[in-house]
Amino acid sequence: MPTRFCLLRHGETDWNVDGRLQGQLDVPLNDRGRAQAEAAARRLAGFPFSRIVSSDLARAAQTAAAAGRALGLPVETTPRLRERFFGDFQGLTHEEARALAPQAHASFRERDPDARPPGGGESFAEFFARVRDALEDLARESAGGSVLIVAHGGVLDMARRFAAGLSLRAARDYALPNAALNWIETDAGGWRVTGWGDVVHLGEALDEIVDQRRRAR
């Protein structure tokens, strides 16, 4: 039996709306985000999950709490599923980050795997390894079961790249909407993506940290 993971991105925050790099700053859900969390919880009710594991940051934990109530399961929280640490870029828009450190921001946008944001930020390679290791540990602990993971846009990006064998440098051609459902699984044949970007339960949702209407890509 494969081990299945439903990856749920947290609901919307005011910083999502503003296009700010949240990173590991503890930004709560806004009113719309709380409604999205409840909508996702209603959609998930009845799924045979064996556990819920969430980032310990408030926006993810609040989203997970709604799912926990709907599923009748406790929520386990862990810092291993936190968003990437963006160093001095945390709390800034991309425009502000570019003004602060143009070369570092260019490397950030170009997805240089080894480049670190100023102020001790986490590289893509380090971030990817953290998410990969967390997924592999959860797969061993919950072999043959179904696990709901509640985390962040960056974490879901790393999880998809891991499951699909995508390069960190590859341009992202898939969406990461707030409160969308995304599915990956693993068995003796390896990891694979089985479903992505399910927003049937939602209205319009923001993709990653920037409103899709303002995205350059």
Protein backbone atom coordinates (compact mmCIF):
# COMPACT_ATOMS: atom_id res chain seq x y z
CA MET A 1 0.00 0.00 0.00
CA PRO A 2 1.35 3.44 -0.83
CA THR A 3 1.74 6.09 1.85
CA ARG A 4 -0.33 9.08 0.80
CA PHE A 5 0.13 12.72 1.70
CA CYS A 6 -2.36 15.53 1.24
CA LEU A 7 -0.43 18.80 1.26
CA LEU A 8 -2.58 21.75 2.33
CA ARG A 9 -1.20 25.25 2.05
CA HIS A 10 -2.30 27.62 4.83
CA GLY A 11 -5.12 30.09 4.25
CA GLU A 12 -4.60 33.67 3.20
CA THR A 13 -2.81 36.28 5.33
CA ASP A 14 -2.66 40.05 4.96
CA TRP A 15 0.96 39.67 3.89
CA ASN A 16 -0.09 37.35 1.07
CA VAL A 17 -2.34 40.15 -0.14
CA ASP A 18 0.50 42.70 0.19
CA GLY A 19 3.00 40.43 -1.60
CA ARG A 20 5.39 40.28 1.36
CA LEU A 21 7.94 37.54 1.99
CA GLN A 22 6.63 35.99 5.19
CA GLY A 23 9.28 33.33 5.66
CA GLN A 24 9.40 32.26 9.30
CA LEU A 25 7.75 35.40 10.69
CA ASP A 26 4.60 34.41 12.53
CA VAL A 27 1.82 36.06 10.54
CA PRO A 28 -1.77 34.94 11.35
CA LEU A 29 -4.59 34.23 8.94
CA ASN A 30 -6.84 37.09 7.91
CA ASP A 31 -10.64 36.79 7.76
CA ARG A 32 -10.57 35.33 4.28
CA GLY A 33 -7.84 32.89 5.31
CA ARG A 34 -9.91 31.65 8.22
CA ALA A 35 -12.86 31.10 5.86
CA GLN A 36 -10.57 29.23 3.46
CA ALA A 37 -9.33 27.02 6.29
CA GLU A 38 -12.89 26.13 7.23
CA ALA A 39 -13.77 25.41 3.59
CA ALA A 40 -10.77 23.11 3.24
CA ALA A 41 -11.71 21.39 6.50
CA ARG A 42 -15.22 20.71 5.24
CA ARG A 43 -13.77 19.28 2.02
CA LEU A 44 -11.43 16.99 3.95
CA ALA A 45 -14.03 15.70 6.41
CA GLY A 46 -14.40 11.97 5.96
CA PHE A 47 -10.97 11.35 4.40
CA PRO A 48 -9.26 8.43 6.19
CA PHE A 49 -6.23 10.32 7.51
CA SER A 50 -4.19 8.68 10.25
CA ARG A 51 -2.58 11.93 11.40
CA ILE A 52 -2.26 15.66 10.81
CA VAL A 53 1.19 17.23 10.85
CA SER A 54 1.58 21.00 10.55
CA SER A 55 4.19 23.71 10.52
CA ASP A 56 4.26 25.35 13.93
CA LEU A 57 3.83 28.85 12.46
CA ALA A 58 0.45 30.41 13.27
CA ARG A 59 -0.93 30.64 9.73
CA ALA A 60 -0.40 26.91 9.18
CA ALA A 61 -1.37 25.83 12.70
CA GLN A 62 -4.63 27.80 12.48
CA THR A 63 -5.43 26.12 9.16
CA ALA A 64 -4.56 22.72 10.60
CA ALA A 65 -6.74 23.31 13.66
CA ALA A 66 -9.81 23.69 11.44
CA ALA A 67 -8.97 20.40 9.70
CA GLY A 68 -8.38 18.73 13.06
CA ARG A 69 -11.85 19.69 14.25
CA ALA A 70 -13.44 18.36 11.06
CA LEU A 71 -11.48 15.10 11.12
CA GLY A 72 -11.48 14.51 14.87
CA LEU A 73 -7.69 14.26 14.93
CA PRO A 74 -5.04 16.01 17.02
CA VAL A 75 -2.61 18.31 15.23
CA GLU A 76 1.11 17.62 15.56
CA THR A 77 3.28 20.69 14.93
CA THR A 78 6.92 20.80 13.87
CA PRO A 79 9.43 23.50 12.83
CA ARG A 80 10.65 21.13 10.10
CA LEU A 81 7.67 22.19 7.98
CA ARG A 82 8.20 25.93 8.37
CA GLU A 83 8.52 28.18 5.34
CA ARG A 84 12.02 28.92 4.08
CA PHE A 85 13.99 31.34 6.26
CA PHE A 86 14.50 34.43 4.10
CA GLY A 87 16.90 36.28 6.40
CA ASP A 88 16.82 40.05 5.90
CA PHE A 89 14.23 39.66 3.12
CA GLN A 90 11.55 38.57 5.59
CA GLY A 91 8.74 41.10 5.82
CA LEU A 92 9.73 42.82 2.58
CA THR A 93 8.08 42.95 -0.82
CA HIS A 94 10.18 41.82 -3.77
CA GLU A 95 10.67 45.45 -4.73
CA GLU A 96 11.96 46.27 -1.24
CA ALA A 97 14.21 43.20 -1.21
CA ARG A 98 15.65 44.17 -4.60
CA ALA A 99 16.41 47.68 -3.32
CA LEU A 100 18.06 46.26 -0.17
CA ALA A 101 20.33 43.76 -1.92
CA PRO A 102 20.03 43.73 -5.73
CA GLN A 103 22.51 40.93 -6.44
CA ALA A 104 21.22 38.67 -3.67
CA HIS A 105 17.65 39.27 -4.79
CA ALA A 106 18.57 38.42 -8.39
CA SER A 107 20.07 35.11 -7.22
CA PHE A 108 16.94 34.50 -5.17
CA ARG A 109 14.63 35.04 -8.16
CA GLU A 110 16.89 32.94 -10.40
CA ARG A 111 16.55 30.02 -7.95
CA ASP A 112 20.29 29.65 -7.39
CA PRO A 113 20.31 26.51 -5.19
CA ASP A 114 23.27 27.58 -3.09
CA ALA A 115 22.63 31.31 -2.70
CA ARG A 116 21.52 32.50 0.74
CA PRO A 117 19.47 35.63 1.33
CA PRO A 118 21.40 38.22 3.39
CA GLY A 119 21.16 37.94 7.15
CA GLY A 120 21.77 34.20 7.37
CA GLY A 121 18.91 33.12 5.11
CA GLU A 122 18.34 29.52 4.08
CA SER A 123 19.47 28.43 0.60
CA PHE A 124 17.13 26.56 -1.72
CA ALA A 125 19.34 23.49 -1.39
CA GLU A 126 19.16 23.61 2.42
CA PHE A 127 15.41 24.22 2.34
CA PHE A 128 14.86 21.36 -0.11
CA ALA A 129 16.88 18.96 2.07
CA ARG A 130 14.88 19.95 5.16
CA VAL A 131 11.53 19.29 3.46
CA ARG A 132 12.73 16.09 1.78
CA ASP A 133 14.03 14.67 5.04
CA ALA A 134 10.80 15.54 6.86
CA LEU A 135 8.73 13.80 4.18
CA GLU A 136 10.89 10.70 4.20
CA ASP A 137 10.70 10.46 7.99
CA LEU A 138 6.91 10.88 7.92
CA ALA A 139 6.65 8.20 5.23
CA ARG A 140 8.59 5.75 7.41
CA GLU A 141 6.56 6.59 10.49
CA SER A 142 3.18 6.33 8.71
CA ALA A 143 3.88 3.58 6.15
CA GLY A 144 0.70 2.59 4.33
CA GLY A 145 -1.34 5.39 5.89
CA SER A 146 -2.62 8.79 4.79
CA VAL A 147 -1.19 11.95 6.33
CA LEU A 148 -2.47 15.51 6.09
CA ILE A 149 0.40 18.00 6.01
CA VAL A 150 -0.40 21.68 6.52
CA ALA A 151 2.42 23.99 5.53
CA HIS A 152 3.50 26.83 3.25
CA GLY A 153 3.83 27.62 -0.44
CA GLY A 154 7.58 27.10 -0.40
CA VAL A 155 7.30 23.80 1.44
CA LEU A 156 4.75 22.55 -1.08
CA ASP A 157 7.02 23.66 -3.92
CA MET A 158 9.92 21.67 -2.45
CA ALA A 159 7.65 18.66 -1.86
CA ARG A 160 6.46 18.65 -5.46
CA ARG A 161 10.00 18.99 -6.80
CA PHE A 162 11.08 16.08 -4.61
CA ALA A 163 8.15 13.85 -5.55
CA ALA A 164 8.40 14.64 -9.27
CA GLY A 165 12.20 14.68 -9.48
CA LEU A 166 12.29 18.31 -10.64
CA SER A 167 15.41 20.47 -10.56
CA LEU A 168 15.50 23.34 -8.08
CA ARG A 169 16.41 25.58 -11.01
CA ALA A 170 13.38 24.58 -13.08
CA ALA A 171 10.77 27.30 -13.53
CA ARG A 172 7.60 26.64 -11.59
CA ASP A 173 4.73 25.86 -13.99
CA TYR A 174 2.19 24.77 -11.36
CA ALA A 175 0.09 26.82 -8.97
CA LEU A 176 0.35 26.98 -5.18
CA PRO A 177 -2.95 28.58 -4.12
CA ASN A 178 -3.84 29.25 -0.50
CA ALA A 179 -5.85 26.37 1.02
CA ALA A 180 -5.61 24.17 -2.08
CA LEU A 181 -5.34 20.37 -1.79
CA ASN A 182 -2.29 18.68 -3.32
CA TRP A 183 -1.48 14.97 -3.27
CA ILE A 184 1.75 12.97 -3.40
CA GLU A 185 2.48 9.37 -2.46
CA THR A 186 5.30 6.90 -2.10
CA ASP A 187 5.79 3.13 -2.19
CA ALA A 188 8.51 0.71 -3.29
CA GLY A 189 8.44 2.33 -6.73
CA GLY A 190 9.36 5.75 -5.35
CA TRP A 191 7.62 9.10 -4.97
CA ARG A 192 5.08 10.64 -7.34
CA VAL A 193 2.56 13.46 -7.63
CA THR A 194 -1.02 12.19 -7.92
CA GLY A 195 -3.04 15.43 -7.80
CA TRP A 196 -2.36 19.15 -7.58
CA GLY A 197 -4.01 22.52 -7.05
CA ASP A 198 -7.50 21.31 -6.15
CA VAL A 199 -9.51 24.42 -5.28
CA VAL A 200 -13.05 23.11 -5.87
CA HIS A 201 -13.92 24.14 -2.30
CA LEU A 202 -12.65 27.71 -2.75
CA GLY A 203 -13.28 30.89 -4.64
CA GLU A 204 -10.27 32.87 -5.85
CA ALA A 205 -7.10 32.02 -3.93
CA LEU A 206 -3.68 33.66 -4.03
CA ASP A 207 -0.74 31.80 -5.57
CA GLU A 208 2.38 31.68 -3.37
CA ILE A 209 3.05 35.15 -1.90
CA VAL A 210 1.95 37.41 -4.75
CA ASP A 211 -1.49 38.00 -6.27
CA GLN A 212 -1.52 36.19 -9.61
CA ARG A 213 -2.69 39.36 -11.32
CA ARG A 214 0.64 40.99 -10.41
CA ARG A 215 2.96 38.07 -11.16
CA ALA A 216 5.56 38.48 -13.86
CA ARG A 217 5.60 34.73 -14.47
